[in-house]
């Protein structure tokens, strides 16, 4: 998130992170990590693969990294920069 934060403008830019829900994915604690980097959670919306024509998810690493996997339940977390005008 630190790299993305550097690209966000202070006037309303957002960082969107789509992430699977449930165990063990909730252990990543995205909101806490974002807050430590000066961001706040603006909105969370359900992720529906069909809303993104051509979307093709891939595994993160390993010898099967080019293979897709069932997305299952996922959400898109939308973060904004914390400012003195931010409402948390």
Foldseek 3Di string as FASTA:
>chain_A
DLVVQVVADQPDGKDKDKFADDPPGCVVVVQVVQVVNQKHFPDKAWDDPVVPPPDFDAQDDDPRRRDGDDRPTMIITIIHGDDPPDDD
